[in-house]
Amino acid sequence: MSLILTAAQRADAARIAEIHMAAFSSNAMLLAQFPTTAVRDALEKCIESKAHADINDPNITVLVIRDTNTTESGESKQDHTHQACGTIIAFAKWAHPVSINDVYTESPWIWPEGTNLEVLGEWTRKTEEAQAYAVGVSPCYHLSFIGTDPSHERRGAATMLIQWGIHQSKKYNVPIYLESTLVAAPLYRKLGFVEVGKFSLNYEVPDSGITQT
């Protein structure tokens, strides 16, 4: 198999941001939170900066999946001598278990000018409430972000990234938690996750006049 899972390096941050934007380019929530092309262009740089901080954070593991049969330019690569070779095709961010008694604050997001902070804030509030409902104050592994390059979907990359967290959860006997869209939910169920609640948010997708839930 040509796919390998490795810890992300700082040099990978730009590619992680690129995949994030490609994977969620048509996501209605992203479009509502970052309503113009200019804001979304700036968002990619913000994601890159946050990825740098997360990669350096000992309480976060940022993972990438590399296709060792291709270079970053997409050319075939038959021979490689280092596991860091190959194109990054997917990534995930896993937050580690942190006790409420621990002194720890994750590095903040710096959002671009023009962000719809009302929609973003409401979404953040609902996700925090959902996690509190699901696991309470128990330290847990939390899948914060996951994304696959659309041109490399259905190759098993997402499953590899998720299984890392499942292994950690079992190894250290702590809960594992994530939020999922309705589209992605079947994959998580297949891997053993159990739905404990749902939440929704009303918002308008820019330039469409459509209100989504």
N, C-alpha and C. Protein backbone atom coordinates (compact mmCIF):
# COMPACT_ATOMS: atom_id res chain seq x y z
N MET A 1 0.85 -1.20 0.00
CA MET A 1 0.00 0.00 0.00
C MET A 1 0.87 1.24 0.00
N SER A 2 0.54 2.25 -0.78
CA SER A 2 1.39 3.42 -0.95
C SER A 2 1.11 4.50 0.08
N LEU A 3 0.10 4.33 0.93
CA LEU A 3 -0.25 5.36 1.90
C LEU A 3 0.41 5.07 3.25
N ILE A 4 1.05 6.09 3.82
CA ILE A 4 1.63 5.96 5.14
C ILE A 4 1.18 7.11 6.02
N LEU A 5 1.06 6.85 7.31
CA LEU A 5 0.66 7.86 8.29
C LEU A 5 1.90 8.33 9.03
N THR A 6 2.08 9.64 9.11
CA THR A 6 3.21 10.21 9.84
C THR A 6 2.74 11.43 10.61
N ALA A 7 3.53 11.82 11.60
CA ALA A 7 3.29 13.09 12.28
C ALA A 7 3.64 14.24 11.33
N ALA A 8 2.85 15.28 11.38
CA ALA A 8 3.10 16.43 10.52
C ALA A 8 4.34 17.20 10.98
N GLN A 9 5.04 17.79 10.03
CA GLN A 9 6.16 18.67 10.29
C GLN A 9 5.74 20.11 9.96
N ARG A 10 6.48 21.08 10.48
CA ARG A 10 6.12 22.49 10.23
C ARG A 10 6.06 22.78 8.73
N ALA A 11 6.93 22.13 7.97
CA ALA A 11 6.95 22.37 6.53
C ALA A 11 5.67 21.89 5.85
N ASP A 12 4.86 21.09 6.55
CA ASP A 12 3.62 20.55 5.98
C ASP A 12 2.44 21.49 6.15
N ALA A 13 2.60 22.57 6.91
CA ALA A 13 1.46 23.41 7.28
C ALA A 13 0.75 24.01 6.07
N ALA A 14 1.50 24.44 5.08
CA ALA A 14 0.88 25.04 3.90
C ALA A 14 0.04 24.03 3.14
N ARG A 15 0.54 22.80 3.03
CA ARG A 15 -0.22 21.75 2.35
C ARG A 15 -1.46 21.38 3.14
N ILE A 16 -1.37 21.35 4.46
CA ILE A 16 -2.53 21.08 5.30
C ILE A 16 -3.61 22.13 5.05
N ALA A 17 -3.20 23.40 5.00
CA ALA A 17 -4.16 24.48 4.75
C ALA A 17 -4.79 24.35 3.37
N GLU A 18 -3.99 23.97 2.40
CA GLU A 18 -4.48 23.79 1.03
C GLU A 18 -5.53 22.69 0.98
N ILE A 19 -5.26 21.57 1.64
CA ILE A 19 -6.22 20.46 1.66
C ILE A 19 -7.49 20.87 2.40
N HIS A 20 -7.32 21.56 3.52
CA HIS A 20 -8.48 22.01 4.29
C HIS A 20 -9.43 22.82 3.41
N MET A 21 -8.89 23.79 2.69
CA MET A 21 -9.73 24.64 1.85
C MET A 21 -10.34 23.85 0.69
N ALA A 22 -9.58 22.94 0.11
CA ALA A 22 -10.11 22.14 -1.00
C ALA A 22 -11.22 21.22 -0.52
N ALA A 23 -11.04 20.61 0.65
CA ALA A 23 -12.01 19.65 1.17
C ALA A 23 -13.31 20.32 1.58
N PHE A 24 -13.23 21.57 2.04
CA PHE A 24 -14.42 22.25 2.56
C PHE A 24 -14.84 23.44 1.70
N SER A 25 -14.38 23.48 0.47
CA SER A 25 -14.66 24.63 -0.40
C SER A 25 -16.14 24.83 -0.66
N SER A 26 -16.93 23.76 -0.63
CA SER A 26 -18.36 23.88 -0.88
C SER A 26 -19.18 23.68 0.39
N ASN A 27 -18.51 23.60 1.54
CA ASN A 27 -19.20 23.40 2.80
C ASN A 27 -20.00 24.66 3.17
N ALA A 28 -21.28 24.50 3.36
CA ALA A 28 -22.15 25.65 3.61
C ALA A 28 -21.76 26.40 4.87
N MET A 29 -21.36 25.70 5.90
CA MET A 29 -20.97 26.36 7.14
C MET A 29 -19.73 27.23 6.94
N LEU A 30 -18.74 26.71 6.21
CA LEU A 30 -17.55 27.51 5.94
C LEU A 30 -17.91 28.75 5.14
N LEU A 31 -18.78 28.59 4.15
CA LEU A 31 -19.17 29.72 3.32
C LEU A 31 -19.94 30.77 4.12
N ALA A 32 -20.69 30.33 5.11
CA ALA A 32 -21.43 31.27 5.95
C ALA A 32 -20.49 32.01 6.91
N GLN A 33 -19.50 31.31 7.42
CA GLN A 33 -18.57 31.93 8.36
C GLN A 33 -17.56 32.84 7.68
N PHE A 34 -17.19 32.48 6.45
CA PHE A 34 -16.18 33.23 5.70
C PHE A 34 -16.80 33.58 4.34
N PRO A 35 -17.56 34.67 4.28
CA PRO A 35 -18.54 34.88 3.22
C PRO A 35 -18.04 35.41 1.88
N THR A 36 -16.77 35.76 1.73
CA THR A 36 -16.28 36.26 0.45
C THR A 36 -15.02 35.52 0.03
N THR A 37 -14.71 35.60 -1.24
CA THR A 37 -13.50 34.96 -1.76
C THR A 37 -12.26 35.52 -1.08
N ALA A 38 -12.25 36.83 -0.85
CA ALA A 38 -11.10 37.46 -0.21
C ALA A 38 -10.91 36.94 1.21
N VAL A 39 -12.00 36.78 1.94
CA VAL A 39 -11.92 36.27 3.30
C VAL A 39 -11.42 34.83 3.29
N ARG A 40 -11.92 34.04 2.35
CA ARG A 40 -11.49 32.64 2.29
C ARG A 40 -10.03 32.51 1.87
N ASP A 41 -9.56 33.39 1.01
CA ASP A 41 -8.14 33.40 0.66
C ASP A 41 -7.29 33.69 1.90
N ALA A 42 -7.73 34.65 2.70
CA ALA A 42 -7.01 34.99 3.93
C ALA A 42 -7.12 33.86 4.94
N LEU A 43 -8.26 33.17 4.93
CA LEU A 43 -8.45 32.06 5.86
C LEU A 43 -7.40 30.98 5.66
N GLU A 44 -7.04 30.71 4.41
CA GLU A 44 -6.04 29.67 4.16
C GLU A 44 -4.73 29.99 4.86
N LYS A 45 -4.33 31.25 4.87
CA LYS A 45 -3.11 31.64 5.57
C LYS A 45 -3.28 31.49 7.08
N CYS A 46 -4.49 31.77 7.58
CA CYS A 46 -4.76 31.61 9.01
C CYS A 46 -4.68 30.13 9.41
N ILE A 47 -5.19 29.26 8.56
CA ILE A 47 -5.12 27.82 8.83
C ILE A 47 -3.67 27.36 8.84
N GLU A 48 -2.88 27.87 7.92
CA GLU A 48 -1.46 27.51 7.88
C GLU A 48 -0.76 27.94 9.17
N SER A 49 -1.04 29.17 9.63
CA SER A 49 -0.43 29.66 10.85
C SER A 49 -0.86 28.83 12.06
N LYS A 50 -2.15 28.47 12.12
CA LYS A 50 -2.63 27.67 13.24
C LYS A 50 -2.02 26.27 13.20
N ALA A 51 -1.84 25.72 12.01
CA ALA A 51 -1.22 24.41 11.87
C ALA A 51 0.20 24.43 12.41
N HIS A 52 0.94 25.51 12.14
CA HIS A 52 2.29 25.64 12.70
C HIS A 52 2.24 25.55 14.22
N ALA A 53 1.32 26.30 14.83
CA ALA A 53 1.21 26.32 16.29
C ALA A 53 0.80 24.95 16.83
N ASP A 54 -0.15 24.30 16.15
CA ASP A 54 -0.64 23.00 16.62
C ASP A 54 0.45 21.93 16.53
N ILE A 55 1.24 21.97 15.48
CA ILE A 55 2.31 20.98 15.30
C ILE A 55 3.34 21.11 16.43
N ASN A 56 3.52 22.32 16.93
CA ASN A 56 4.48 22.55 18.02
C ASN A 56 3.89 22.30 19.40
N ASP A 57 2.59 22.04 19.48
CA ASP A 57 1.89 21.90 20.76
C ASP A 57 1.97 20.44 21.23
N PRO A 58 2.56 20.17 22.40
CA PRO A 58 2.67 18.79 22.87
C PRO A 58 1.34 18.16 23.24
N ASN A 59 0.29 18.96 23.37
CA ASN A 59 -1.03 18.44 23.70
C ASN A 59 -1.91 18.22 22.45
N ILE A 60 -1.29 18.32 21.29
CA ILE A 60 -1.99 18.13 20.02
C ILE A 60 -1.12 17.26 19.12
N THR A 61 -1.74 16.33 18.42
CA THR A 61 -1.04 15.57 17.39
C THR A 61 -1.68 15.89 16.05
N VAL A 62 -0.90 16.44 15.15
CA VAL A 62 -1.33 16.67 13.77
C VAL A 62 -0.73 15.57 12.92
N LEU A 63 -1.59 14.83 12.25
CA LEU A 63 -1.16 13.71 11.43
C LEU A 63 -1.38 14.01 9.95
N VAL A 64 -0.56 13.39 9.12
CA VAL A 64 -0.76 13.49 7.67
C VAL A 64 -0.66 12.10 7.07
N ILE A 65 -1.34 11.91 5.97
CA ILE A 65 -1.21 10.70 5.15
C ILE A 65 -0.45 11.07 3.89
N ARG A 66 0.61 10.33 3.63
CA ARG A 66 1.42 10.58 2.44
C ARG A 66 1.26 9.44 1.44
N ASP A 67 1.17 9.80 0.19
CA ASP A 67 1.18 8.83 -0.90
C ASP A 67 2.63 8.73 -1.37
N THR A 68 3.29 7.64 -1.01
CA THR A 68 4.71 7.51 -1.31
C THR A 68 5.00 7.21 -2.77
N ASN A 69 3.96 7.01 -3.56
CA ASN A 69 4.17 6.76 -4.99
C ASN A 69 4.13 8.02 -5.82
N THR A 70 3.91 9.17 -5.16
CA THR A 70 3.88 10.43 -5.89
C THR A 70 4.69 11.47 -5.17
N THR A 71 5.24 12.41 -5.92
CA THR A 71 5.93 13.55 -5.34
C THR A 71 4.92 14.66 -5.15
N GLU A 72 5.34 15.77 -4.53
CA GLU A 72 4.42 16.88 -4.32
C GLU A 72 3.93 17.46 -5.64
N SER A 73 4.66 17.25 -6.72
CA SER A 73 4.22 17.75 -8.02
C SER A 73 3.28 16.79 -8.71
N GLY A 74 3.08 15.60 -8.09
CA GLY A 74 2.17 14.63 -8.66
C GLY A 74 2.84 13.63 -9.58
N GLU A 75 4.16 13.74 -9.76
CA GLU A 75 4.87 12.82 -10.63
C GLU A 75 5.05 11.47 -9.95
N SER A 76 5.13 10.43 -10.74
CA SER A 76 5.34 9.09 -10.18
C SER A 76 6.68 9.01 -9.49
N LYS A 77 6.69 8.34 -8.33
CA LYS A 77 7.95 8.19 -7.60
C LYS A 77 8.10 6.72 -7.20
N GLN A 78 8.92 5.99 -7.91
CA GLN A 78 9.09 4.57 -7.68
C GLN A 78 10.00 4.28 -6.50
N ASP A 79 11.00 5.14 -6.29
CA ASP A 79 11.98 4.89 -5.24
C ASP A 79 11.94 6.03 -4.23
N HIS A 80 11.96 5.69 -2.94
CA HIS A 80 12.07 6.71 -1.91
C HIS A 80 12.88 6.13 -0.75
N THR A 81 13.66 6.97 -0.11
CA THR A 81 14.53 6.51 0.96
C THR A 81 14.15 7.08 2.31
N HIS A 82 13.10 7.91 2.37
CA HIS A 82 12.68 8.52 3.64
C HIS A 82 11.17 8.56 3.68
N GLN A 83 10.60 8.26 4.85
CA GLN A 83 9.15 8.18 4.93
C GLN A 83 8.47 9.52 4.72
N ALA A 84 9.21 10.63 4.80
CA ALA A 84 8.61 11.93 4.58
C ALA A 84 8.41 12.22 3.10
N CYS A 85 8.91 11.35 2.20
CA CYS A 85 8.72 11.54 0.77
C CYS A 85 7.27 11.31 0.40
N GLY A 86 6.83 11.92 -0.67
CA GLY A 86 5.49 11.68 -1.17
C GLY A 86 4.54 12.83 -0.92
N THR A 87 3.44 12.80 -1.61
CA THR A 87 2.43 13.85 -1.53
C THR A 87 1.54 13.65 -0.32
N ILE A 88 1.33 14.72 0.42
CA ILE A 88 0.35 14.69 1.51
C ILE A 88 -1.04 14.75 0.90
N ILE A 89 -1.89 13.77 1.23
CA ILE A 89 -3.22 13.73 0.64
C ILE A 89 -4.33 13.90 1.68
N ALA A 90 -3.99 13.86 2.96
CA ALA A 90 -5.01 14.00 3.99
C ALA A 90 -4.34 14.39 5.30
N PHE A 91 -5.12 14.95 6.20
CA PHE A 91 -4.57 15.36 7.50
C PHE A 91 -5.65 15.23 8.57
N ALA A 92 -5.23 15.20 9.81
CA ALA A 92 -6.16 15.24 10.94
C ALA A 92 -5.48 15.89 12.12
N LYS A 93 -6.28 16.52 12.93
CA LYS A 93 -5.79 17.13 14.18
C LYS A 93 -6.49 16.45 15.35
N TRP A 94 -5.70 15.84 16.21
CA TRP A 94 -6.21 15.19 17.41
C TRP A 94 -5.75 15.96 18.64
N ALA A 95 -6.71 16.47 19.42
CA ALA A 95 -6.39 17.09 20.70
C ALA A 95 -6.30 16.00 21.76
N HIS A 96 -5.27 16.06 22.59
CA HIS A 96 -5.04 15.05 23.61
C HIS A 96 -5.92 15.29 24.85
N PRO A 97 -6.08 14.27 25.67
CA PRO A 97 -6.82 14.46 26.93
C PRO A 97 -6.13 15.48 27.83
N VAL A 98 -6.90 16.44 28.32
CA VAL A 98 -6.38 17.45 29.23
C VAL A 98 -7.33 17.57 30.41
N SER A 99 -6.82 17.41 31.60
CA SER A 99 -7.64 17.52 32.80
C SER A 99 -8.00 18.97 33.06
N ILE A 100 -9.17 19.18 33.68
CA ILE A 100 -9.58 20.56 34.00
C ILE A 100 -8.63 21.17 35.02
N ASN A 101 -7.85 20.35 35.69
CA ASN A 101 -6.89 20.86 36.67
C ASN A 101 -5.55 21.22 36.04
N ASP A 102 -5.37 20.84 34.79
CA ASP A 102 -4.12 21.17 34.10
C ASP A 102 -4.13 22.63 33.65
N VAL A 103 -2.97 23.26 33.73
CA VAL A 103 -2.84 24.63 33.25
C VAL A 103 -2.44 24.56 31.78
N TYR A 104 -3.41 24.70 30.92
CA TYR A 104 -3.15 24.59 29.48
C TYR A 104 -4.17 25.41 28.71
N THR A 105 -3.70 26.17 27.76
CA THR A 105 -4.57 26.90 26.85
C THR A 105 -4.05 26.70 25.43
N GLU A 106 -4.91 26.20 24.57
CA GLU A 106 -4.51 26.01 23.17
C GLU A 106 -4.31 27.36 22.51
N SER A 107 -3.36 27.44 21.59
CA SER A 107 -3.12 28.68 20.86
C SER A 107 -4.39 29.10 20.13
N PRO A 108 -4.75 30.38 20.19
CA PRO A 108 -6.02 30.83 19.60
C PRO A 108 -5.96 30.93 18.08
N TRP A 109 -7.13 30.81 17.48
CA TRP A 109 -7.26 31.12 16.07
C TRP A 109 -7.22 32.63 15.88
N ILE A 110 -6.58 33.08 14.82
CA ILE A 110 -6.60 34.49 14.44
C ILE A 110 -7.40 34.59 13.15
N TRP A 111 -8.64 35.00 13.26
CA TRP A 111 -9.54 34.97 12.10
C TRP A 111 -9.32 36.17 11.19
N PRO A 112 -9.48 36.00 9.89
CA PRO A 112 -9.27 37.11 8.95
C PRO A 112 -10.37 38.16 9.07
N GLU A 113 -10.03 39.36 8.70
CA GLU A 113 -11.02 40.44 8.67
C GLU A 113 -12.13 40.07 7.69
N GLY A 114 -13.37 40.30 8.10
CA GLY A 114 -14.51 39.95 7.27
C GLY A 114 -15.18 38.65 7.68
N THR A 115 -14.60 37.94 8.65
CA THR A 115 -15.22 36.72 9.16
C THR A 115 -16.57 37.05 9.80
N ASN A 116 -17.57 36.23 9.56
CA ASN A 116 -18.86 36.39 10.21
C ASN A 116 -18.74 35.82 11.62
N LEU A 117 -18.37 36.67 12.55
CA LEU A 117 -18.10 36.22 13.91
C LEU A 117 -19.36 35.78 14.64
N GLU A 118 -20.50 36.25 14.21
CA GLU A 118 -21.76 35.83 14.85
C GLU A 118 -22.03 34.35 14.56
N VAL A 119 -21.93 33.97 13.29
CA VAL A 119 -22.14 32.57 12.93
C VAL A 119 -21.04 31.69 13.53
N LEU A 120 -19.80 32.15 13.43
CA LEU A 120 -18.68 31.39 13.97
C LEU A 120 -18.81 31.19 15.48
N GLY A 121 -19.20 32.26 16.17
CA GLY A 121 -19.34 32.17 17.62
C GLY A 121 -20.45 31.23 18.04
N GLU A 122 -21.56 31.27 17.32
CA GLU A 122 -22.68 30.38 17.65
C GLU A 122 -22.31 28.93 17.38
N TRP A 123 -21.59 28.69 16.30
CA TRP A 123 -21.14 27.33 16.00
C TRP A 123 -20.19 26.83 17.08
N THR A 124 -19.27 27.67 17.50
CA THR A 124 -18.32 27.29 18.55
C THR A 124 -19.05 26.96 19.85
N ARG A 125 -20.03 27.78 20.18
CA ARG A 125 -20.79 27.55 21.41
C ARG A 125 -21.51 26.21 21.36
N LYS A 126 -22.12 25.90 20.24
CA LYS A 126 -22.86 24.64 20.12
C LYS A 126 -21.93 23.43 20.16
N THR A 127 -20.76 23.53 19.55
CA THR A 127 -19.83 22.39 19.59
C THR A 127 -19.30 22.18 21.00
N GLU A 128 -19.05 23.25 21.72
CA GLU A 128 -18.59 23.12 23.11
C GLU A 128 -19.68 22.49 23.98
N GLU A 129 -20.92 22.90 23.77
CA GLU A 129 -22.03 22.32 24.52
C GLU A 129 -22.20 20.84 24.19
N ALA A 130 -22.01 20.49 22.91
CA ALA A 130 -22.16 19.10 22.49
C ALA A 130 -21.09 18.23 23.14
N GLN A 131 -19.86 18.72 23.21
CA GLN A 131 -18.80 17.94 23.84
C GLN A 131 -19.06 17.78 25.33
N ALA A 132 -19.53 18.84 25.97
CA ALA A 132 -19.83 18.76 27.40
C ALA A 132 -20.94 17.74 27.66
N TYR A 133 -21.92 17.70 26.77
CA TYR A 133 -23.01 16.74 26.92
C TYR A 133 -22.51 15.31 26.72
N ALA A 134 -21.61 15.14 25.76
CA ALA A 134 -21.15 13.79 25.40
C ALA A 134 -20.18 13.20 26.41
N VAL A 135 -19.21 13.99 26.87
CA VAL A 135 -18.17 13.44 27.75
C VAL A 135 -18.02 14.19 29.06
N GLY A 136 -18.81 15.24 29.26
CA GLY A 136 -18.70 16.01 30.49
C GLY A 136 -17.34 16.67 30.60
N VAL A 137 -16.73 16.57 31.78
CA VAL A 137 -15.41 17.15 31.98
C VAL A 137 -14.31 16.09 31.88
N SER A 138 -14.67 14.90 31.43
CA SER A 138 -13.69 13.83 31.32
C SER A 138 -12.66 14.16 30.23
N PRO A 139 -11.38 14.03 30.53
CA PRO A 139 -10.36 14.21 29.48
C PRO A 139 -10.61 13.20 28.36
N CYS A 140 -10.42 13.62 27.13
CA CYS A 140 -10.69 12.73 26.00
C CYS A 140 -9.80 13.08 24.82
N TYR A 141 -9.68 12.14 23.90
CA TYR A 141 -9.09 12.44 22.60
C TYR A 141 -10.20 13.04 21.74
N HIS A 142 -9.92 14.19 21.15
CA HIS A 142 -10.93 14.91 20.38
C HIS A 142 -10.42 15.14 18.96
N LEU A 143 -11.15 14.60 17.99
CA LEU A 143 -10.82 14.84 16.59
C LEU A 143 -11.34 16.21 16.21
N SER A 144 -10.45 17.19 16.14
CA SER A 144 -10.85 18.57 15.88
C SER A 144 -11.09 18.84 14.40
N PHE A 145 -10.16 18.36 13.56
CA PHE A 145 -10.27 18.58 12.12
C PHE A 145 -9.77 17.35 11.39
N ILE A 146 -10.37 17.08 10.25
CA ILE A 146 -9.90 16.02 9.36
C ILE A 146 -10.30 16.41 7.94
N GLY A 147 -9.41 16.18 7.00
CA GLY A 147 -9.72 16.52 5.62
C GLY A 147 -8.88 15.71 4.65
N THR A 148 -9.47 15.41 3.51
CA THR A 148 -8.78 14.66 2.45
C THR A 148 -8.83 15.46 1.16
N ASP A 149 -7.73 15.49 0.45
CA ASP A 149 -7.71 16.10 -0.88
C ASP A 149 -8.80 15.43 -1.72
N PRO A 150 -9.73 16.20 -2.28
CA PRO A 150 -10.84 15.59 -3.04
C PRO A 150 -10.39 14.65 -4.15
N SER A 151 -9.21 14.85 -4.70
CA SER A 151 -8.74 13.97 -5.76
C SER A 151 -8.18 12.64 -5.23
N HIS A 152 -8.16 12.49 -3.90
CA HIS A 152 -7.64 11.26 -3.30
C HIS A 152 -8.64 10.64 -2.34
N GLU A 153 -9.91 10.93 -2.51
CA GLU A 153 -10.92 10.37 -1.63
C GLU A 153 -11.13 8.88 -1.91
N ARG A 154 -11.70 8.19 -0.93
CA ARG A 154 -12.05 6.77 -1.03
C ARG A 154 -10.83 5.86 -1.22
N ARG A 155 -9.73 6.26 -0.62
CA ARG A 155 -8.53 5.42 -0.65
C ARG A 155 -8.17 4.90 0.75
N GLY A 156 -8.97 5.28 1.74
CA GLY A 156 -8.74 4.80 3.09
C GLY A 156 -7.94 5.75 3.97
N ALA A 157 -7.62 6.95 3.47
CA ALA A 157 -6.80 7.88 4.25
C ALA A 157 -7.52 8.32 5.53
N ALA A 158 -8.78 8.67 5.40
CA ALA A 158 -9.54 9.13 6.57
C ALA A 158 -9.63 8.03 7.63
N THR A 159 -9.83 6.80 7.20
CA THR A 159 -9.91 5.68 8.14
C THR A 159 -8.60 5.53 8.90
N MET A 160 -7.48 5.67 8.24
CA MET A 160 -6.18 5.57 8.90
C MET A 160 -6.03 6.65 9.96
N LEU A 161 -6.45 7.86 9.63
CA LEU A 161 -6.32 8.98 10.57
C LEU A 161 -7.23 8.80 11.78
N ILE A 162 -8.42 8.29 11.56
CA ILE A 162 -9.36 8.06 12.66
C ILE A 162 -8.91 6.91 13.54
N GLN A 163 -8.39 5.87 12.93
CA GLN A 163 -7.96 4.71 13.70
C GLN A 163 -6.80 5.04 14.64
N TRP A 164 -6.00 6.03 14.30
CA TRP A 164 -4.94 6.46 15.22
C TRP A 164 -5.56 6.88 16.55
N GLY A 165 -6.61 7.70 16.48
CA GLY A 165 -7.27 8.15 17.69
C GLY A 165 -7.94 7.02 18.46
N ILE A 166 -8.53 6.09 17.72
CA ILE A 166 -9.16 4.93 18.36
C ILE A 166 -8.12 4.12 19.13
N HIS A 167 -6.96 3.93 18.52
CA HIS A 167 -5.88 3.18 19.18
C HIS A 167 -5.43 3.90 20.45
N GLN A 168 -5.26 5.22 20.38
CA GLN A 168 -4.83 5.98 21.56
C GLN A 168 -5.87 5.89 22.68
N SER A 169 -7.13 5.98 22.29
CA SER A 169 -8.22 5.91 23.27
C SER A 169 -8.19 4.58 24.01
N LYS A 170 -8.01 3.49 23.27
CA LYS A 170 -7.96 2.16 23.89
C LYS A 170 -6.69 1.98 24.72
N LYS A 171 -5.59 2.47 24.21
CA LYS A 171 -4.29 2.31 24.88
C LYS A 171 -4.30 2.98 26.25
N TYR A 172 -4.89 4.17 26.32
CA TYR A 172 -4.86 4.93 27.57
C TYR A 172 -6.19 4.90 28.32
N ASN A 173 -7.14 4.15 27.77
CA ASN A 173 -8.44 3.96 28.43
C ASN A 173 -9.12 5.29 28.75
N VAL A 174 -9.20 6.15 27.75
CA VAL A 174 -9.90 7.43 27.88
C VAL A 174 -10.91 7.54 26.74
N PRO A 175 -11.95 8.36 26.92
CA PRO A 175 -12.96 8.49 25.86
C PRO A 175 -12.38 9.13 24.61
N ILE A 176 -13.12 8.95 23.54
CA ILE A 176 -12.77 9.58 22.27
C ILE A 176 -14.03 10.29 21.77
N TYR A 177 -13.85 11.48 21.19
CA TYR A 177 -15.00 12.29 20.85
C TYR A 177 -14.76 13.03 19.55
N LEU A 178 -15.83 13.23 18.79
CA LEU A 178 -15.77 14.05 17.59
C LEU A 178 -17.15 14.56 17.23
N GLU A 179 -17.19 15.63 16.43
CA GLU A 179 -18.44 16.05 15.81
C GLU A 179 -18.39 15.64 14.35
N SER A 180 -19.54 15.33 13.79
CA SER A 180 -19.59 14.87 12.40
C SER A 180 -20.72 15.54 11.64
N THR A 181 -20.50 15.76 10.37
CA THR A 181 -21.60 16.14 9.50
C THR A 181 -22.45 14.90 9.21
N LEU A 182 -23.64 15.12 8.69
CA LEU A 182 -24.50 13.98 8.35
C LEU A 182 -23.87 13.12 7.26
N VAL A 183 -23.15 13.77 6.36
CA VAL A 183 -22.52 13.05 5.25
C VAL A 183 -21.44 12.10 5.75
N ALA A 184 -20.65 12.54 6.72
CA ALA A 184 -19.53 11.74 7.20
C ALA A 184 -19.94 10.72 8.26
N ALA A 185 -21.11 10.88 8.84
CA ALA A 185 -21.53 10.04 9.96
C ALA A 185 -21.45 8.53 9.67
N PRO A 186 -21.83 8.05 8.48
CA PRO A 186 -21.75 6.60 8.24
C PRO A 186 -20.34 6.02 8.41
N LEU A 187 -19.32 6.78 8.03
CA LEU A 187 -17.94 6.29 8.20
C LEU A 187 -17.62 6.12 9.68
N TYR A 188 -17.99 7.10 10.48
CA TYR A 188 -17.70 7.01 11.91
C TYR A 188 -18.46 5.85 12.56
N ARG A 189 -19.71 5.66 12.15
CA ARG A 189 -20.47 4.52 12.69
C ARG A 189 -19.79 3.21 12.31
N LYS A 190 -19.31 3.12 11.09
CA LYS A 190 -18.64 1.90 10.62
C LYS A 190 -17.42 1.60 11.47
N LEU A 191 -16.76 2.65 11.98
CA LEU A 191 -15.55 2.47 12.77
C LEU A 191 -15.85 2.33 14.27
N GLY A 192 -17.13 2.28 14.62
CA GLY A 192 -17.50 1.98 16.00
C GLY A 192 -17.98 3.14 16.83
N PHE A 193 -18.08 4.33 16.25
CA PHE A 193 -18.56 5.47 17.02
C PHE A 193 -20.07 5.39 17.21
N VAL A 194 -20.54 5.92 18.33
CA VAL A 194 -21.96 5.90 18.67
C VAL A 194 -22.44 7.34 18.80
N GLU A 195 -23.55 7.62 18.14
CA GLU A 195 -24.13 8.96 18.21
C GLU A 195 -24.78 9.17 19.58
N VAL A 196 -24.42 10.29 20.22
CA VAL A 196 -25.00 10.58 21.54
C VAL A 196 -25.86 11.85 21.51
N GLY A 197 -25.87 12.55 20.41
CA GLY A 197 -26.70 13.75 20.33
C GLY A 197 -26.55 14.43 18.98
N LYS A 198 -27.44 15.38 18.72
CA LYS A 198 -27.40 16.16 17.50
C LYS A 198 -27.57 17.64 17.84
N PHE A 199 -27.02 18.49 16.98
CA PHE A 199 -27.31 19.91 17.10
C PHE A 199 -27.34 20.51 15.70
N SER A 200 -28.02 21.63 15.59
CA SER A 200 -28.15 22.30 14.30
C SER A 200 -28.01 23.80 14.50
N LEU A 201 -27.81 24.50 13.39
CA LEU A 201 -27.62 25.95 13.44
C LEU A 201 -28.25 26.56 12.20
N ASN A 202 -29.04 27.57 12.38
CA ASN A 202 -29.63 28.28 11.25
C ASN A 202 -28.69 29.39 10.79
N TYR A 203 -28.42 29.44 9.49
CA TYR A 203 -27.54 30.47 8.96
C TYR A 203 -27.83 30.65 7.49
N GLU A 204 -27.42 31.79 6.96
CA GLU A 204 -27.64 32.09 5.54
C GLU A 204 -26.35 31.93 4.77
N VAL A 205 -26.43 31.20 3.66
CA VAL A 205 -25.27 31.04 2.79
C VAL A 205 -25.16 32.28 1.92
N PRO A 206 -24.05 32.99 1.95
CA PRO A 206 -23.90 34.24 1.19
C PRO A 206 -24.16 34.05 -0.31
N ASP A 207 -24.74 35.08 -0.91
CA ASP A 207 -24.98 35.14 -2.36
C ASP A 207 -25.99 34.12 -2.86
N SER A 208 -26.67 33.44 -1.92
CA SER A 208 -27.66 32.47 -2.36
C SER A 208 -29.05 32.79 -1.86
N GLY A 209 -29.11 33.56 -0.78
CA GLY A 209 -30.40 33.85 -0.18
C GLY A 209 -31.03 32.65 0.51
N ILE A 210 -30.26 31.57 0.63
CA ILE A 210 -30.78 30.33 1.21
C ILE A 210 -30.38 30.25 2.68
N THR A 211 -31.33 29.92 3.51
CA THR A 211 -31.06 29.69 4.92
C THR A 211 -30.91 28.20 5.14
N GLN A 212 -29.78 27.81 5.73
CA GLN A 212 -29.48 26.41 5.98
C GLN A 212 -29.70 26.09 7.46
N THR A 213 -29.93 24.82 7.73
CA THR A 213 -30.03 24.35 9.10
C THR A 213 -29.05 23.20 9.30
